[in-house]
């Protein structure tokens, strides 16, 4: 039987660090995660090697009844996963100069306060058994777990990288320009669960409420039936994304590994305003499935337009050029559109890449466009970029054919240099 690892005595300054992190930007709009962090952190300070049970956390912090069934209610595990990623975000950005960090080892609920220079205990104990995964593989594994998909074949992947490296010079140059600027890059998977939650409450969730995770309040305010309300509350706690998003993340992960660029894959639910303003960010999915896209809509030439009755979606053409329509209307299950935009982040110290489809599979077309040597060559030609020149900020619109939830082909129908 595997023994519980023993961690060192908590270092001086740990309590001050705990409260400093709790007051930081990643936690300022999430009362639930802040309370969870403080509860777990204080327990660790009192007893670093203590055991904390899932049910106790659910009752003491998350308001679950004393006899609730943890095998059916996964709220604690979901929130611990969110908290773990928020901590990683803090210590990679605002807290990058902290000499101590707070870590929640896999399989435990009690945080560990340790020196930044130390390797995590669970990693140290397994170094001789297996090589560590690179950050891109860890991130992609998180993204894949959100959909229950599996991604294997490391050996085949490595062999494919060697073949493709010489075949895609324009793609390689584009990605090096986009994300080789010394900033961390976050690939943000869409939150498909949000669309169904919005259907249940009958309104769109604005970014401010989405970032603050105010889902319980929204359910209580807009759903009168207690049964439906409980269903909505349980439903929104299960973060899911689309298989198409995972496929784009896989392809971008290969490119990032080729260029030795760090890539972190996260859910839209775990992004924060400070991070999207100060780092490189790739936003996947529509405005409805990824509210962070809304930060950039008013700056774009092709803007998302949803119509509730009858249900439809299109891209408005703000300033049509000669021969262009005023709008590009999607036809359900026949034709769709995908907008790909490359622009600076709000602080102008990093880049943002938006890939937004009128449907789930059209978003995948945007990923294929950016990883296709022929497509990127066409893009450079249309933008007037000379050989060896940098690609300017741009926006393109792709028209996609949808057949049985797949995209057999797509074409570039409009573009704008920014």
Protein backbone atom coordinates (compact mmCIF):
# COMPACT_ATOMS: atom_id res chain seq x y z
CA UNK A 1 0.00 0.00 0.00
CA UNK A 2 1.37 3.41 -0.96
CA UNK A 3 2.21 5.59 2.02
CA UNK A 4 1.05 9.16 2.38
CA UNK A 5 4.01 11.45 1.59
CA UNK A 6 5.41 13.49 4.46
CA UNK A 7 5.97 17.15 3.73
CA UNK A 8 8.37 19.45 5.57
CA UNK A 9 7.33 21.84 8.32
CA UNK A 10 5.62 24.93 6.95
CA UNK A 11 8.12 27.67 6.11
CA UNK A 12 8.06 31.11 7.81
CA UNK A 13 5.91 33.62 6.00
CA UNK A 14 3.43 31.01 4.77
CA UNK A 15 0.37 32.55 6.42
CA UNK A 16 1.22 36.00 5.04
CA UNK A 17 1.61 34.43 1.58
CA UNK A 18 -1.76 32.69 1.91
CA UNK A 19 -3.61 35.94 2.60
CA UNK A 20 -1.63 37.81 -0.05
CA UNK A 21 -2.69 35.27 -2.67
CA UNK A 22 -6.31 35.37 -1.45
CA UNK A 23 -6.35 39.14 -2.05
CA UNK A 24 -4.76 38.86 -5.51
CA UNK A 25 -6.42 39.49 -8.87
CA UNK A 26 -7.14 35.82 -9.74
CA UNK A 27 -9.29 35.53 -6.59
CA UNK A 28 -10.78 39.01 -6.20
CA UNK A 29 -13.96 38.17 -8.12
CA UNK A 30 -14.37 34.58 -6.96
CA UNK A 31 -15.61 34.45 -3.38
CA UNK A 32 -16.03 30.70 -3.48
CA UNK A 33 -12.46 29.97 -4.56
CA UNK A 34 -11.07 32.53 -2.12
CA UNK A 35 -12.96 30.95 0.79
CA UNK A 36 -11.83 27.51 -0.34
CA UNK A 37 -8.19 28.66 -0.53
CA UNK A 38 -8.28 30.18 2.97
CA UNK A 39 -9.98 27.12 4.47
CA UNK A 40 -7.54 24.66 2.93
CA UNK A 41 -4.55 26.90 3.61
CA UNK A 42 -5.36 27.33 7.31
CA UNK A 43 -5.81 23.58 7.68
CA UNK A 44 -2.39 23.05 6.11
CA UNK A 45 -0.78 25.61 8.41
CA UNK A 46 -2.31 23.89 11.44
CA UNK A 47 -1.42 20.36 10.33
CA UNK A 48 0.74 20.09 7.14
CA UNK A 49 0.48 16.28 7.11
CA UNK A 50 -3.18 16.10 8.05
CA UNK A 51 -5.83 14.37 5.96
CA UNK A 52 -8.80 16.39 4.74
CA UNK A 53 -11.81 14.55 3.35
CA UNK A 54 -13.82 15.61 0.35
CA UNK A 55 -17.11 15.51 2.26
CA UNK A 56 -15.76 17.78 4.99
CA UNK A 57 -14.82 20.41 2.42
CA UNK A 58 -18.22 20.15 0.77
CA UNK A 59 -20.02 20.70 4.06
CA UNK A 60 -17.73 23.34 5.62
CA UNK A 61 -17.04 25.49 2.55
CA UNK A 62 -19.51 24.70 -0.22
CA UNK A 63 -22.73 24.41 1.76
CA UNK A 64 -23.48 20.77 1.03
CA UNK A 65 -25.62 18.83 3.58
CA UNK A 66 -23.70 16.59 6.03
CA UNK A 67 -24.93 13.38 4.42
CA UNK A 68 -24.43 14.30 0.76
CA UNK A 69 -23.08 11.63 -1.60
CA UNK A 70 -19.62 12.53 -2.94
CA UNK A 71 -19.82 9.77 -5.54
CA UNK A 72 -22.59 11.67 -7.35
CA UNK A 73 -21.79 15.26 -6.36
CA UNK A 74 -18.37 16.21 -7.78
CA UNK A 75 -18.44 19.88 -6.80
CA UNK A 76 -15.44 19.62 -4.45
CA UNK A 77 -13.26 17.95 -7.06
CA UNK A 78 -14.26 20.51 -9.69
CA UNK A 79 -13.53 23.44 -7.37
CA UNK A 80 -10.18 21.98 -6.25
CA UNK A 81 -9.21 21.68 -9.92
CA UNK A 82 -10.18 25.33 -10.48
CA UNK A 83 -8.24 26.37 -7.38
CA UNK A 84 -5.14 24.47 -8.45
CA UNK A 85 -5.13 26.28 -11.80
CA UNK A 86 -5.75 29.67 -10.18
CA UNK A 87 -2.72 29.12 -7.96
CA UNK A 88 -0.61 28.17 -10.96
CA UNK A 89 -1.83 31.31 -12.74
CA UNK A 90 -0.93 33.55 -9.77
CA UNK A 91 2.59 32.18 -9.32
CA UNK A 92 3.24 32.38 -13.07
CA UNK A 93 2.19 36.05 -13.33
CA UNK A 94 1.52 38.38 -10.41
CA UNK A 95 3.36 36.14 -7.95
CA UNK A 96 6.26 35.16 -10.18
CA UNK A 97 8.76 36.75 -7.72
CA UNK A 98 7.38 35.00 -4.62
CA UNK A 99 10.13 32.87 -3.00
CA UNK A 100 7.44 30.52 -1.61
CA UNK A 101 4.60 29.01 -3.58
CA UNK A 102 1.38 27.21 -2.65
CA UNK A 103 0.81 23.91 -4.37
CA UNK A 104 -2.04 21.37 -4.10
CA UNK A 105 -0.51 17.97 -4.96
CA UNK A 106 -2.61 15.60 -7.06
CA UNK A 107 -4.65 13.24 -4.92
CA UNK A 108 -4.60 15.58 -1.89
CA UNK A 109 -6.74 18.44 -0.64
CA UNK A 110 -4.24 19.91 1.83
CA UNK A 111 -2.00 22.54 0.17
CA UNK A 112 1.77 22.52 0.50
CA UNK A 113 3.84 25.67 1.12
CA UNK A 114 7.26 25.16 -0.44
CA UNK A 115 10.22 27.01 -1.85
CA UNK A 116 9.88 27.89 -5.52
CA UNK A 117 13.25 26.22 -6.13
CA UNK A 118 12.02 22.86 -4.87
CA UNK A 119 10.45 20.25 -7.16
CA UNK A 120 6.99 19.03 -6.09
CA UNK A 121 7.35 16.03 -3.73
CA UNK A 122 5.19 13.76 -5.85
CA UNK A 123 7.32 14.52 -8.92
CA UNK A 124 10.58 13.94 -7.05
CA UNK A 125 9.46 10.52 -5.89
CA UNK A 126 8.75 9.39 -9.45
CA UNK A 127 11.71 10.83 -11.35
CA UNK A 128 13.46 7.50 -11.55
CA UNK A 129 10.34 5.72 -12.74
CA UNK A 130 9.27 7.88 -15.71
CA UNK A 131 10.24 11.08 -17.49
CA UNK A 132 8.33 14.24 -16.64
CA UNK A 133 5.81 15.58 -19.13
CA UNK A 134 6.50 18.97 -20.65
CA UNK A 135 4.08 21.80 -19.80
CA UNK A 136 2.38 21.54 -23.18
CA UNK A 137 1.51 17.88 -22.62
CA UNK A 138 0.26 18.58 -19.11
CA UNK A 139 -1.92 21.37 -20.43
CA UNK A 140 -3.28 19.31 -23.29
CA UNK A 141 -4.05 16.45 -20.94
CA UNK A 142 -6.19 18.86 -18.90
CA UNK A 143 -8.00 19.98 -22.02
CA UNK A 144 -8.60 16.44 -23.19
CA UNK A 145 -9.93 15.37 -19.80
CA UNK A 146 -12.64 18.02 -20.09
CA UNK A 147 -14.29 16.08 -22.92
CA UNK A 148 -13.32 12.57 -21.90
CA UNK A 149 -11.30 12.28 -25.10
CA UNK A 150 -7.95 10.51 -25.29
CA UNK A 151 -4.80 11.60 -27.03
CA UNK A 152 -1.95 9.17 -27.32
CA UNK A 153 0.72 8.11 -29.73
CA UNK A 154 3.71 10.11 -28.49
CA UNK A 155 6.13 8.20 -30.68
CA UNK A 156 4.04 8.77 -33.79
CA UNK A 157 3.68 12.43 -32.85
CA UNK A 158 7.44 12.85 -32.48
CA UNK A 159 8.07 11.23 -35.85
CA UNK A 160 5.42 13.45 -37.44
CA UNK A 161 7.05 16.55 -36.01
CA UNK A 162 10.35 15.69 -37.70
CA UNK A 163 8.60 15.29 -41.05
CA UNK A 164 6.51 18.45 -40.79
CA UNK A 165 9.25 20.73 -39.52
CA UNK A 166 10.74 21.19 -42.99
CA UNK A 167 7.38 21.33 -44.74
CA UNK A 168 5.73 24.34 -43.07
CA UNK A 169 8.14 27.29 -43.02
CA UNK A 170 5.35 29.88 -43.27
CA UNK A 171 3.34 28.26 -40.48
CA UNK A 172 6.43 28.04 -38.28
CA UNK A 173 7.30 31.67 -38.93
CA UNK A 174 3.75 32.80 -38.14
CA UNK A 175 3.58 30.97 -34.82
CA UNK A 176 7.05 32.14 -33.82
CA UNK A 177 5.93 35.70 -34.48
CA UNK A 178 2.64 35.26 -32.61
CA UNK A 179 3.97 33.62 -29.49
CA UNK A 180 7.74 33.78 -29.45
CA UNK A 181 7.78 37.12 -27.63
CA UNK A 182 8.83 35.89 -24.19
CA UNK A 183 5.30 35.95 -22.75
CA UNK A 184 3.42 32.87 -21.59
CA UNK A 185 0.73 31.64 -23.99
CA UNK A 186 -2.67 30.38 -22.82
CA UNK A 187 -4.91 28.43 -25.16
CA UNK A 188 -8.45 28.86 -23.87
CA UNK A 189 -11.00 26.13 -24.61
CA UNK A 190 -14.65 27.12 -25.00
CA UNK A 191 -17.14 26.44 -22.21
CA UNK A 192 -19.91 24.48 -23.94
CA UNK A 193 -21.75 24.01 -20.63
CA UNK A 194 -22.34 27.76 -20.46
CA UNK A 195 -24.62 27.71 -23.52
CA UNK A 196 -26.97 25.18 -21.93
CA UNK A 197 -26.91 27.09 -18.63
CA UNK A 198 -27.90 30.28 -20.45
CA UNK A 199 -30.76 28.42 -22.08
CA UNK A 200 -31.94 27.30 -18.61
CA UNK A 201 -31.87 30.80 -17.09
CA UNK A 202 -33.16 32.47 -20.27
CA UNK A 203 -30.47 35.12 -20.61
CA UNK A 204 -26.84 35.65 -21.61
CA UNK A 205 -24.25 35.62 -18.82
CA UNK A 206 -22.10 38.78 -19.13
CA UNK A 207 -18.36 38.46 -18.73
CA UNK A 208 -18.31 40.17 -15.32
CA UNK A 209 -20.67 37.57 -13.85
CA UNK A 210 -18.99 34.73 -15.72
CA UNK A 211 -15.53 35.64 -14.42
CA UNK A 212 -16.90 35.89 -10.87
CA UNK A 213 -18.55 32.44 -11.21
CA UNK A 214 -21.90 33.82 -10.07
CA UNK A 215 -23.81 30.84 -11.43
CA UNK A 216 -25.60 29.91 -8.19
CA UNK A 217 -26.89 33.47 -7.80
CA UNK A 218 -28.06 33.56 -11.42
CA UNK A 219 -29.84 30.22 -11.06
CA UNK A 220 -31.58 31.41 -7.87
CA UNK A 221 -32.59 34.69 -9.51
CA UNK A 222 -33.91 33.39 -12.82
CA UNK A 223 -35.14 29.83 -12.16
CA UNK A 224 -38.15 29.62 -9.87
CA UNK A 225 -38.67 25.88 -10.02
CA UNK A 226 -36.42 24.39 -7.30
CA UNK A 227 -35.92 21.15 -9.23
CA UNK A 228 -34.79 22.97 -12.38
CA UNK A 229 -32.65 25.29 -10.25
CA UNK A 230 -30.84 22.37 -8.60
CA UNK A 231 -30.36 20.81 -12.03
CA UNK A 232 -28.86 24.03 -13.39
CA UNK A 233 -26.54 24.45 -10.39
CA UNK A 234 -25.24 20.92 -10.70
CA UNK A 235 -25.00 21.18 -14.48
CA UNK A 236 -22.89 24.35 -14.56
CA UNK A 237 -20.33 22.86 -12.16
CA UNK A 238 -19.33 20.32 -14.82
CA UNK A 239 -17.04 22.16 -17.25
CA UNK A 240 -17.06 20.69 -20.76
CA UNK A 241 -15.62 21.75 -24.10
CA UNK A 242 -15.93 20.50 -27.68
CA UNK A 243 -13.91 17.80 -29.39
CA UNK A 244 -13.15 20.33 -32.14
CA UNK A 245 -11.49 22.63 -29.61
CA UNK A 246 -9.40 19.75 -28.32
CA UNK A 247 -8.30 18.91 -31.85
CA UNK A 248 -7.17 22.52 -32.39
CA UNK A 249 -5.36 22.40 -29.04
CA UNK A 250 -3.61 19.20 -30.13
CA UNK A 251 -2.43 20.72 -33.41
CA UNK A 252 -1.27 23.95 -31.76
CA UNK A 253 0.46 21.90 -29.08
CA UNK A 254 2.51 20.13 -31.73
CA UNK A 255 3.53 23.48 -33.24
CA UNK A 256 4.41 24.91 -29.83
CA UNK A 257 6.56 21.88 -29.05
CA UNK A 258 8.33 22.18 -32.40
CA UNK A 259 9.26 25.79 -31.65
CA UNK A 260 9.95 25.13 -27.95
CA UNK A 261 7.23 27.62 -26.98
CA UNK A 262 5.40 27.04 -23.67
CA UNK A 263 1.66 26.51 -24.15
CA UNK A 264 -0.84 26.25 -21.29
CA UNK A 265 -4.30 24.85 -22.07
CA UNK A 266 -7.10 26.08 -19.80
CA UNK A 267 -10.87 26.33 -19.80
CA UNK A 268 -12.56 29.68 -20.38
CA UNK A 269 -13.94 29.22 -16.85
CA UNK A 270 -10.41 29.52 -15.42
CA UNK A 271 -9.22 32.59 -17.32
CA UNK A 272 -9.00 36.00 -15.61
CA UNK A 273 -8.94 39.63 -16.73
CA UNK A 274 -5.34 40.24 -15.59
CA UNK A 275 -4.13 37.20 -17.48
CA UNK A 276 -5.91 37.96 -20.76
CA UNK A 277 -4.66 41.56 -20.54
CA UNK A 278 -1.00 40.75 -19.99
CA UNK A 279 -0.17 37.44 -21.72
CA UNK A 280 -0.50 35.78 -25.12
CA UNK A 281 -3.97 34.26 -25.40
CA UNK A 282 -5.66 31.99 -27.96
CA UNK A 283 -9.45 32.12 -27.56
CA UNK A 284 -11.36 29.23 -29.12
CA UNK A 285 -15.10 29.15 -29.75
CA UNK A 286 -17.98 31.53 -30.23
CA UNK A 287 -18.84 34.51 -28.05
CA UNK A 288 -21.59 32.48 -26.35
CA UNK A 289 -19.29 29.57 -25.47
CA UNK A 290 -16.30 31.77 -24.64
CA UNK A 291 -17.37 35.11 -23.12
CA UNK A 292 -13.79 36.43 -23.26
CA UNK A 293 -14.26 36.88 -27.01
CA UNK A 294 -16.60 39.76 -26.15
CA UNK A 295 -13.64 41.85 -24.97
CA UNK A 296 -12.56 42.25 -28.59
CA UNK A 297 -15.81 42.24 -30.60
CA UNK A 298 -16.12 46.01 -30.96
CA UNK A 299 -12.61 46.23 -32.41
CA UNK A 300 -13.32 43.74 -35.21
CA UNK A 301 -14.48 44.19 -38.79
CA UNK A 302 -16.58 41.00 -38.67
CA UNK A 303 -18.76 41.01 -35.56
CA UNK A 304 -20.86 38.22 -34.10
CA UNK A 305 -24.63 38.71 -34.29
CA UNK A 306 -27.04 36.26 -32.62
CA UNK A 307 -30.76 36.24 -33.34
CA UNK A 308 -32.99 34.43 -30.85
CA UNK A 309 -36.21 34.26 -32.92
CA UNK A 310 -35.75 32.50 -35.21
CA UNK A 311 -32.48 31.16 -33.86
CA UNK A 312 -29.58 32.09 -36.14
CA UNK A 313 -26.03 33.43 -36.10
CA UNK A 314 -24.06 35.52 -38.55
CA UNK A 315 -21.03 37.79 -38.82
CA UNK A 316 -21.88 41.42 -39.54
CA UNK A 317 -19.58 43.12 -42.04
CA UNK A 318 -19.00 46.52 -40.42
CA UNK A 319 -17.36 48.17 -43.46
CA UNK A 320 -18.06 46.08 -46.56
CA UNK A 321 -15.60 46.33 -49.43
CA UNK A 322 -16.77 46.35 -53.05
CA UNK A 323 -18.65 43.15 -53.82
CA UNK A 324 -18.92 42.05 -50.16
CA UNK A 325 -22.27 41.45 -48.41
CA UNK A 326 -23.31 43.37 -45.28
CA UNK A 327 -23.46 40.11 -43.35
CA UNK A 328 -22.32 36.50 -43.64
CA UNK A 329 -25.25 34.30 -42.59
CA UNK A 330 -24.64 30.71 -41.49
CA UNK A 331 -26.99 27.95 -42.66
CA UNK A 332 -27.50 25.32 -39.97
CA UNK A 333 -25.87 21.98 -40.89
CA UNK A 334 -24.93 23.26 -44.36
CA UNK A 335 -22.58 26.24 -44.27
CA UNK A 336 -20.84 28.08 -41.48
CA UNK A 337 -18.24 30.77 -40.99
CA UNK A 338 -15.14 31.08 -38.86
CA UNK A 339 -13.49 34.37 -37.92
CA UNK A 340 -9.74 34.31 -37.28
CA UNK A 341 -8.27 37.50 -35.83
CA UNK A 342 -4.73 38.34 -34.71
CA UNK A 343 -4.47 41.47 -32.56
CA UNK A 344 -2.62 42.90 -29.54
CA UNK A 345 -3.78 42.17 -26.02
CA UNK A 346 -5.33 45.04 -24.02
CA UNK A 347 -1.98 46.02 -22.48
CA UNK A 348 -0.21 45.83 -25.86
CA UNK A 349 2.53 43.63 -24.39
CA UNK A 350 1.34 40.34 -25.91
CA UNK A 351 -0.83 38.88 -28.66
CA UNK A 352 -4.39 37.61 -28.90
CA UNK A 353 -5.58 35.06 -31.46
CA UNK A 354 -9.35 34.64 -31.84
CA UNK A 355 -10.78 31.58 -33.60
CA UNK A 356 -14.58 31.79 -33.49
CA UNK A 357 -16.95 29.70 -35.55
CA UNK A 358 -20.70 30.08 -36.05
CA UNK A 359 -20.85 26.44 -34.94
CA UNK A 360 -18.51 24.09 -33.10
CA UNK A 361 -16.95 22.43 -36.14
CA UNK A 362 -16.39 25.72 -37.98
CA UNK A 363 -14.03 26.76 -35.19
CA UNK A 364 -11.94 23.71 -36.11
CA UNK A 365 -11.60 25.13 -39.63
CA UNK A 366 -9.84 28.16 -38.16
CA UNK A 367 -7.28 25.90 -36.53
CA UNK A 368 -6.74 24.02 -39.77
CA UNK A 369 -6.32 27.30 -41.65
CA UNK A 370 -3.53 28.46 -39.36
CA UNK A 371 -1.68 25.13 -39.43
CA UNK A 372 -1.89 24.70 -43.22
CA UNK A 373 1.18 25.85 -45.14
CA UNK A 374 -0.92 26.53 -48.24
CA UNK A 375 -3.45 28.63 -46.28
CA UNK A 376 -0.83 30.69 -44.47
CA UNK A 377 0.99 31.27 -47.77
CA UNK A 378 -2.30 32.53 -49.24
CA UNK A 379 -2.82 34.76 -46.21
CA UNK A 380 0.64 36.33 -46.57
CA UNK A 381 -0.02 36.95 -50.26
CA UNK A 382 -3.37 38.66 -49.63
CA UNK A 383 -1.87 40.82 -46.88
CA UNK A 384 1.00 41.83 -49.17
CA UNK A 385 3.69 40.41 -46.88
CA UNK A 386 7.02 40.00 -48.63
CA UNK A 387 9.28 37.00 -48.15
CA UNK A 388 10.79 37.08 -44.70
CA UNK A 389 8.47 39.89 -43.56
CA UNK A 390 6.35 39.85 -40.42
CA UNK A 391 2.59 39.35 -40.72
CA UNK A 392 0.61 42.41 -39.55
CA UNK A 393 -2.38 42.16 -37.25
CA UNK A 394 -5.19 40.79 -39.36
CA UNK A 395 -8.69 39.41 -39.51
CA UNK A 396 -10.00 36.81 -41.94
CA UNK A 397 -13.36 35.17 -42.48
CA UNK A 398 -13.59 31.56 -43.65
CA UNK A 399 -16.65 29.96 -45.21
CA UNK A 400 -17.05 26.31 -44.22
CA UNK A 401 -19.06 23.42 -45.55
CA UNK A 402 -20.66 21.33 -42.81
CA UNK A 403 -21.32 17.66 -43.55
CA UNK A 404 -22.23 15.27 -40.73
CA UNK A 405 -20.51 17.50 -38.15
CA UNK A 406 -17.28 17.61 -40.17
CA UNK A 407 -15.64 20.25 -42.38
CA UNK A 408 -14.62 18.70 -45.72
CA UNK A 409 -13.46 22.09 -47.04
CA UNK A 410 -13.24 25.79 -46.25
CA UNK A 411 -12.36 28.91 -48.21
CA UNK A 412 -11.17 32.41 -47.36
CA UNK A 413 -13.98 34.83 -48.32
CA UNK A 414 -12.87 38.11 -46.69
CA UNK A 415 -9.83 39.57 -44.96
CA UNK A 416 -8.64 42.79 -43.34
CA UNK A 417 -5.18 43.92 -42.25
CA UNK A 418 -5.37 45.83 -38.94
